[in-house]
Amino acid sequence: MNFLHRLLAVTHLAFIGILVLLAYPAAADEYPSRPITVIVPFAAGGPTDVVARIVTASMAQTLGQKMLIENIVGAGGTTAATRAARAANDGYTLIVGHMGTHAAAVPLYSRLPYDPQTDFAPISPLAGTPIMILARKDFPAKDLQEFIAYVKANTEKLNAAHAGVGSVSHASGELLNSVLGIRPTGVPFNGTGPAMDALVSGQVDYMCDQIVNAVPPVRSGTIKAYAVATPARNAALPQVPTTTEAGLPSFQVQAWNGIFAPKGTPPAVIATLNAAAAKALGDEAVRNRLLDLGSVIPPPAERTPEALATLVKSEIARWTPVLTQLH
């Protein structure tokens, strides 16, 4: 082969190589190669938003890319979940879902536009958030027993705040109503942050909310905390009794958050994100911030996609009989 033929052959091979790279640009990029959008289904400042920002800030350092929080409110978080389910499954749009969007919404919305079990690829649980029974600071009851007696006697006059139908605060509030046999007026807000603001300002009477949202106002005395609905007291608010200690053992509920991708997201991408989430939950600074807010951090063995999938399935089974009766 003379020099001209060799030159043409080399040129031909180089041209083919360029075509291959142009045809498969993603193969040349190691995930993630650009910022990742993380959808939070409630307003900024609420429990899910706070947990999401703490954990994803650490994940971003591990991944070497920004993780941009996008708050999308509406319909108890289902507007955001629907958008996330329909996003491209390339790992660049995620959602921090929770007990409301991925469990309670199933029995509450007869035409839910997504299936929590099949339309998402689970990545990792993030943090559990115990539920508290809270009231405005001048609510006329000094403890949980007086609270129960008062709400039973004055149900028609009272209103209870929540973050929208299907939200954690709504579902846990309905569970409390069911346990007590009461039917107050529900007042929905676009997120638990706005709902808590209304409770602090005395615009609403009481609510059930996640401890992450409640710690600052309880510590400052701007709202009352009657009980935490877990078997043990919480270190963030050790003075608040459990519902069992306070005389309402049948009210036991803890919310949770988890990070999901749209279904069909490549397994390698899920593995990368899971490793970053697990590392974040093991980071001492992250753990201290979450624990100070009252969060419950899953142990290492439970920080897996499989554990999150199992949790979603069990929570749908738990909430369906409780909330179906609301239709």
Protein backbone atom coordinates (compact mmCIF):
# COMPACT_ATOMS: atom_id res chain seq x y z
CA MET A 1 0.00 0.00 0.00
CA ASN A 2 1.55 3.30 -1.03
CA PHE A 3 1.60 6.42 1.10
CA LEU A 4 -1.55 7.90 -0.50
CA HIS A 5 -3.57 4.76 0.16
CA ARG A 6 -2.40 4.62 3.78
CA LEU A 7 -3.33 8.26 4.27
CA LEU A 8 -6.79 7.69 2.82
CA ALA A 9 -7.32 4.64 5.05
CA VAL A 10 -6.30 6.51 8.21
CA THR A 11 -8.49 9.45 7.23
CA HIS A 12 -11.43 7.12 6.62
CA LEU A 13 -11.04 5.49 10.03
CA ALA A 14 -10.79 8.86 11.74
CA PHE A 15 -13.96 10.01 9.98
CA ILE A 16 -15.82 6.91 11.14
CA GLY A 17 -14.63 7.56 14.70
CA ILE A 18 -15.95 11.10 14.58
CA LEU A 19 -19.33 9.86 13.31
CA VAL A 20 -19.53 7.37 16.18
CA LEU A 21 -18.82 10.08 18.76
CA LEU A 22 -21.41 12.36 17.19
CA ALA A 23 -24.00 9.60 17.14
CA TYR A 24 -23.45 8.70 20.81
CA PRO A 25 -22.47 11.89 22.65
CA ALA A 26 -23.80 10.63 25.97
CA ALA A 27 -21.37 7.74 25.93
CA ALA A 28 -18.49 10.22 26.05
CA ASP A 29 -19.93 11.96 29.12
CA GLU A 30 -19.59 10.50 32.56
CA TYR A 31 -22.72 11.01 34.66
CA PRO A 32 -23.35 13.60 35.89
CA SER A 33 -21.94 16.04 33.37
CA ARG A 34 -24.31 18.92 34.17
CA PRO A 35 -26.49 20.21 37.04
CA ILE A 36 -29.30 17.98 38.34
CA THR A 37 -32.79 19.35 39.05
CA VAL A 38 -34.38 18.02 42.23
CA ILE A 39 -38.12 18.63 42.42
CA VAL A 40 -39.55 19.26 45.88
CA PRO A 41 -43.36 18.91 45.88
CA PHE A 42 -44.02 21.66 48.42
CA ALA A 43 -43.12 25.26 49.16
CA ALA A 44 -39.67 26.31 50.31
CA GLY A 45 -39.19 26.12 54.06
CA GLY A 46 -41.38 23.06 54.64
CA PRO A 47 -40.10 19.76 56.07
CA THR A 48 -39.52 18.04 52.73
CA ASP A 49 -37.74 21.12 51.38
CA VAL A 50 -35.48 21.38 54.42
CA VAL A 51 -34.47 17.70 54.33
CA ALA A 52 -33.96 17.84 50.55
CA ARG A 53 -31.67 20.87 50.75
CA ILE A 54 -29.53 19.43 53.54
CA VAL A 55 -29.01 16.06 51.85
CA THR A 56 -28.63 17.22 48.24
CA ALA A 57 -26.05 19.84 49.22
CA SER A 58 -23.83 17.00 50.39
CA MET A 59 -24.69 14.82 47.39
CA ALA A 60 -23.71 17.66 45.06
CA GLN A 61 -20.21 17.73 46.56
CA THR A 62 -19.84 13.99 45.99
CA LEU A 63 -21.19 14.13 42.44
CA GLY A 64 -19.24 17.23 41.46
CA GLN A 65 -22.34 18.92 40.03
CA LYS A 66 -24.94 21.34 41.37
CA MET A 67 -28.25 19.92 42.52
CA LEU A 68 -30.86 22.60 41.93
CA ILE A 69 -33.99 22.53 44.09
CA GLU A 70 -37.21 23.32 42.23
CA ASN A 71 -40.27 23.81 44.45
CA ILE A 72 -43.50 22.88 42.66
CA VAL A 73 -46.66 23.28 44.74
CA GLY A 74 -50.21 22.11 44.19
CA ALA A 75 -52.63 19.22 44.78
CA GLY A 76 -50.88 17.87 47.87
CA GLY A 77 -47.62 17.33 46.02
CA THR A 78 -49.15 15.33 43.17
CA THR A 79 -48.60 18.13 40.63
CA ALA A 80 -44.86 17.87 41.24
CA ALA A 81 -44.87 14.07 41.28
CA THR A 82 -46.73 13.97 37.96
CA ARG A 83 -44.16 16.25 36.39
CA ALA A 84 -41.29 14.18 37.75
CA ALA A 85 -42.84 10.93 36.50
CA ARG A 86 -43.04 12.37 32.99
CA ALA A 87 -39.51 13.82 32.96
CA ALA A 88 -36.68 12.41 30.88
CA ASN A 89 -35.19 9.31 32.50
CA ASP A 90 -31.60 10.48 32.14
CA GLY A 91 -30.86 11.16 35.79
CA TYR A 92 -31.06 14.94 35.49
CA THR A 93 -34.56 15.32 36.97
CA LEU A 94 -35.26 13.75 40.37
CA ILE A 95 -37.92 14.19 43.03
CA VAL A 96 -37.92 14.02 46.80
CA GLY A 97 -41.18 12.19 47.37
CA HIS A 98 -42.72 11.24 50.68
CA MET A 99 -45.55 9.58 52.52
CA GLY A 100 -48.07 11.88 50.85
CA THR A 101 -47.01 11.83 47.21
CA HIS A 102 -46.01 8.17 47.12
CA ALA A 103 -48.53 6.53 49.46
CA ALA A 104 -51.46 8.58 50.80
CA ALA A 105 -52.22 10.07 47.37
CA VAL A 106 -53.16 6.64 46.02
CA PRO A 107 -56.42 6.26 48.00
CA LEU A 108 -57.14 10.01 48.04
CA TYR A 109 -57.00 10.69 44.29
CA SER A 110 -59.20 8.38 42.19
CA ARG A 111 -57.54 9.60 38.99
CA LEU A 112 -53.95 9.92 40.17
CA PRO A 113 -51.91 10.52 36.99
CA TYR A 114 -49.01 8.34 38.13
CA ASP A 115 -48.38 5.07 39.94
CA PRO A 116 -45.84 5.50 42.77
CA GLN A 117 -44.73 1.87 42.43
CA THR A 118 -44.25 1.68 38.66
CA ASP A 119 -43.60 5.21 37.39
CA PHE A 120 -40.50 5.88 39.48
CA ALA A 121 -37.10 4.33 40.04
CA PRO A 122 -36.37 4.42 43.80
CA ILE A 123 -32.93 5.72 44.74
CA SER A 124 -32.75 5.94 48.53
CA PRO A 125 -34.77 6.75 51.64
CA LEU A 126 -33.58 10.04 53.13
CA ALA A 127 -34.98 10.73 56.59
CA GLY A 128 -37.97 9.87 58.69
CA THR A 129 -39.88 12.72 60.28
CA PRO A 130 -42.05 12.00 63.34
CA ILE A 131 -45.50 13.60 63.43
CA MET A 132 -46.53 15.97 66.22
CA ILE A 133 -49.88 17.24 67.45
CA LEU A 134 -49.58 21.04 67.50
CA ALA A 135 -51.78 24.04 68.22
CA ARG A 136 -51.64 27.83 68.27
CA LYS A 137 -49.88 29.18 71.36
CA ASP A 138 -53.10 30.38 73.01
CA PHE A 139 -55.09 27.19 72.40
CA PRO A 140 -57.11 26.51 75.58
CA ALA A 141 -55.63 23.14 76.58
CA LYS A 142 -52.55 22.53 78.68
CA ASP A 143 -51.92 18.88 77.73
CA LEU A 144 -53.07 16.23 75.27
CA GLN A 145 -55.97 15.00 77.39
CA GLU A 146 -57.37 18.52 77.65
CA PHE A 147 -56.75 18.97 73.92
CA ILE A 148 -58.77 15.83 73.13
CA ALA A 149 -61.64 16.90 75.38
CA TYR A 150 -61.69 20.41 73.89
CA VAL A 151 -61.64 19.38 70.23
CA LYS A 152 -64.37 16.82 70.82
CA ALA A 153 -66.57 19.42 72.49
CA ASN A 154 -65.88 22.19 69.96
CA THR A 155 -65.31 20.37 66.65
CA GLU A 156 -67.68 22.55 64.63
CA LYS A 157 -65.90 25.73 65.73
CA LEU A 158 -62.36 24.55 65.04
CA ASN A 159 -60.20 24.52 61.94
CA ALA A 160 -57.15 22.38 61.21
CA ALA A 161 -54.40 23.42 58.81
CA HIS A 162 -52.72 21.10 56.32
CA ALA A 163 -50.53 21.31 53.22
CA GLY A 164 -53.13 20.13 50.73
CA VAL A 165 -55.12 16.94 50.16
CA GLY A 166 -52.73 14.01 50.09
CA SER A 167 -49.94 15.77 51.96
CA VAL A 168 -48.35 14.30 55.08
CA SER A 169 -50.03 16.86 57.31
CA HIS A 170 -53.41 16.13 55.71
CA ALA A 171 -53.12 12.34 55.95
CA SER A 172 -51.86 12.37 59.54
CA GLY A 173 -54.52 14.93 60.47
CA GLU A 174 -57.22 12.71 59.02
CA LEU A 175 -55.84 9.78 60.98
CA LEU A 176 -56.09 11.85 64.17
CA ASN A 177 -59.65 12.87 63.27
CA SER A 178 -60.52 9.22 62.74
CA VAL A 179 -59.00 8.15 66.05
CA LEU A 180 -60.82 10.93 67.94
CA GLY A 181 -64.07 10.72 65.95
CA ILE A 182 -64.09 14.43 65.08
CA ARG A 183 -64.63 16.45 61.91
CA PRO A 184 -63.11 19.96 62.10
CA THR A 185 -62.93 22.33 59.15
CA GLY A 186 -59.83 21.60 57.10
CA VAL A 187 -57.85 24.58 55.82
CA PRO A 188 -55.45 23.70 52.97
CA PHE A 189 -52.26 25.61 52.19
CA ASN A 190 -49.65 25.29 49.44
CA GLY A 191 -47.12 23.59 51.66
CA THR A 192 -46.49 22.99 55.34
CA GLY A 193 -44.36 26.11 55.55
CA PRO A 194 -47.35 28.41 54.86
CA ALA A 195 -49.55 26.21 57.07
CA MET A 196 -47.11 26.57 59.96
CA ASP A 197 -46.97 30.34 59.41
CA ALA A 198 -50.77 30.40 59.78
CA LEU A 199 -50.57 28.39 63.01
CA VAL A 200 -47.88 30.66 64.45
CA SER A 201 -49.97 33.74 63.63
CA GLY A 202 -53.10 32.19 65.16
CA GLN A 203 -55.08 32.08 61.91
CA VAL A 204 -55.77 28.35 62.43
CA ASP A 205 -56.34 26.32 65.58
CA TYR A 206 -54.23 23.20 65.26
CA MET A 207 -52.52 20.78 62.91
CA CYS A 208 -50.50 17.60 62.69
CA ASP A 209 -47.08 18.28 61.24
CA GLN A 210 -43.64 16.81 60.81
CA ILE A 211 -41.19 17.55 63.61
CA VAL A 212 -38.70 19.11 61.17
CA ASN A 213 -41.15 21.95 60.63
CA ALA A 214 -42.13 22.21 64.28
CA VAL A 215 -38.84 22.35 66.18
CA PRO A 216 -38.08 26.09 65.72
CA PRO A 217 -41.55 27.43 66.69
CA VAL A 218 -41.92 24.95 69.56
CA ARG A 219 -38.53 25.94 70.96
CA SER A 220 -39.40 29.63 70.64
CA GLY A 221 -42.81 29.15 72.27
CA THR A 222 -44.80 30.49 69.31
CA ILE A 223 -46.90 27.29 69.12
CA LYS A 224 -47.88 24.49 71.52
CA ALA A 225 -46.73 20.89 71.14
CA TYR A 226 -48.94 18.28 72.81
CA ALA A 227 -47.27 15.02 71.76
CA VAL A 228 -45.01 13.25 69.28
CA ALA A 229 -46.58 10.20 67.61
CA THR A 230 -43.65 7.79 68.01
CA PRO A 231 -42.81 5.11 70.59
CA ALA A 232 -39.95 7.13 72.09
CA ARG A 233 -39.43 10.83 72.80
CA ASN A 234 -37.42 12.80 70.29
CA ALA A 235 -34.03 14.21 71.27
CA ALA A 236 -34.74 17.47 69.43
CA LEU A 237 -37.73 18.18 71.72
CA PRO A 238 -37.22 15.91 74.74
CA GLN A 239 -39.78 17.78 76.84
CA VAL A 240 -42.65 16.74 74.52
CA PRO A 241 -44.28 13.45 75.60
CA THR A 242 -45.12 10.62 73.24
CA THR A 243 -48.76 10.00 72.35
CA THR A 244 -48.58 6.81 74.41
CA GLU A 245 -47.32 8.68 77.47
CA ALA A 246 -49.96 11.37 76.96
CA GLY A 247 -52.82 8.89 76.72
CA LEU A 248 -53.40 8.39 72.97
CA PRO A 249 -51.41 5.24 72.11
CA SER A 250 -53.52 4.49 69.01
CA PHE A 251 -52.09 7.54 67.22
CA GLN A 252 -48.69 6.42 65.96
CA VAL A 253 -47.37 7.89 62.72
CA GLN A 254 -44.04 8.86 61.22
CA ALA A 255 -43.56 10.47 57.83
CA TRP A 256 -40.62 9.75 55.54
CA ASN A 257 -38.80 11.22 52.57
CA GLY A 258 -37.11 9.40 49.70
CA ILE A 259 -35.41 10.38 46.48
CA PHE A 260 -36.72 8.98 43.19
CA ALA A 261 -35.96 9.18 39.46
CA PRO A 262 -38.38 8.57 36.57
CA LYS A 263 -38.81 4.92 35.61
CA GLY A 264 -36.31 3.64 33.08
CA THR A 265 -33.41 5.64 34.48
CA PRO A 266 -30.25 3.60 33.78
CA PRO A 267 -29.18 1.33 36.67
CA ALA A 268 -25.67 2.81 36.62
CA VAL A 269 -27.14 6.28 37.20
CA ILE A 270 -29.32 5.00 40.05
CA ALA A 271 -26.26 3.36 41.61
CA THR A 272 -24.27 6.60 41.38
CA LEU A 273 -27.06 8.61 42.98
CA ASN A 274 -27.65 5.99 45.67
CA ALA A 275 -23.98 6.00 46.63
CA ALA A 276 -24.03 9.80 46.91
CA ALA A 277 -27.19 9.73 49.06
CA ALA A 278 -25.80 7.00 51.32
CA LYS A 279 -22.58 8.96 51.76
CA ALA A 280 -24.56 12.09 52.64
CA LEU A 281 -26.59 10.25 55.29
CA GLY A 282 -23.36 8.97 56.78
CA ASP A 283 -21.73 12.39 56.91
CA GLU A 284 -21.46 13.69 60.48
CA ALA A 285 -22.36 17.29 59.59
CA VAL A 286 -25.44 16.20 57.64
CA ARG A 287 -26.51 13.81 60.38
CA ASN A 288 -26.14 16.47 63.07
CA ARG A 289 -28.30 18.93 61.12
CA LEU A 290 -31.01 16.33 60.50
CA LEU A 291 -30.96 15.03 64.08
CA ASP A 292 -31.16 18.56 65.47
CA LEU A 293 -34.39 18.96 63.51
CA GLY A 294 -35.77 15.73 64.95
CA SER A 295 -35.29 13.56 61.86
CA VAL A 296 -34.80 9.81 62.06
CA ILE A 297 -31.95 8.67 59.79
CA PRO A 298 -32.23 5.20 58.21
CA PRO A 299 -29.39 2.80 59.07
CA PRO A 300 -26.93 1.88 56.27
CA ALA A 301 -28.72 -1.38 55.41
CA GLU A 302 -31.92 0.55 54.68
CA ARG A 303 -30.38 3.18 52.36
CA THR A 304 -31.05 1.17 49.22
CA PRO A 305 -33.42 1.39 46.24
CA GLU A 306 -34.93 -1.93 47.32
CA ALA A 307 -35.63 -0.63 50.83
CA LEU A 308 -37.38 2.45 49.42
CA ALA A 309 -39.48 0.34 47.04
CA THR A 310 -40.55 -1.87 49.95
CA LEU A 311 -41.40 1.18 52.04
CA VAL A 312 -43.60 2.65 49.30
CA LYS A 313 -45.49 -0.63 48.92
CA SER A 314 -46.07 -1.02 52.67
CA GLU A 315 -47.15 2.60 53.12
CA ILE A 316 -49.72 2.39 50.33
CA ALA A 317 -51.15 -0.69 52.04
CA ARG A 318 -51.21 1.13 55.38
CA TRP A 319 -52.90 4.34 54.26
CA THR A 320 -55.41 2.97 51.77
CA PRO A 321 -57.96 1.71 54.34
CA VAL A 322 -57.56 4.85 56.47
CA LEU A 323 -58.07 7.38 53.67
CA THR A 324 -60.42 5.61 51.25
CA GLN A 325 -63.33 6.51 53.51
CA LEU A 326 -62.82 10.20 52.75
CA HIS A 327 -64.21 9.88 49.21
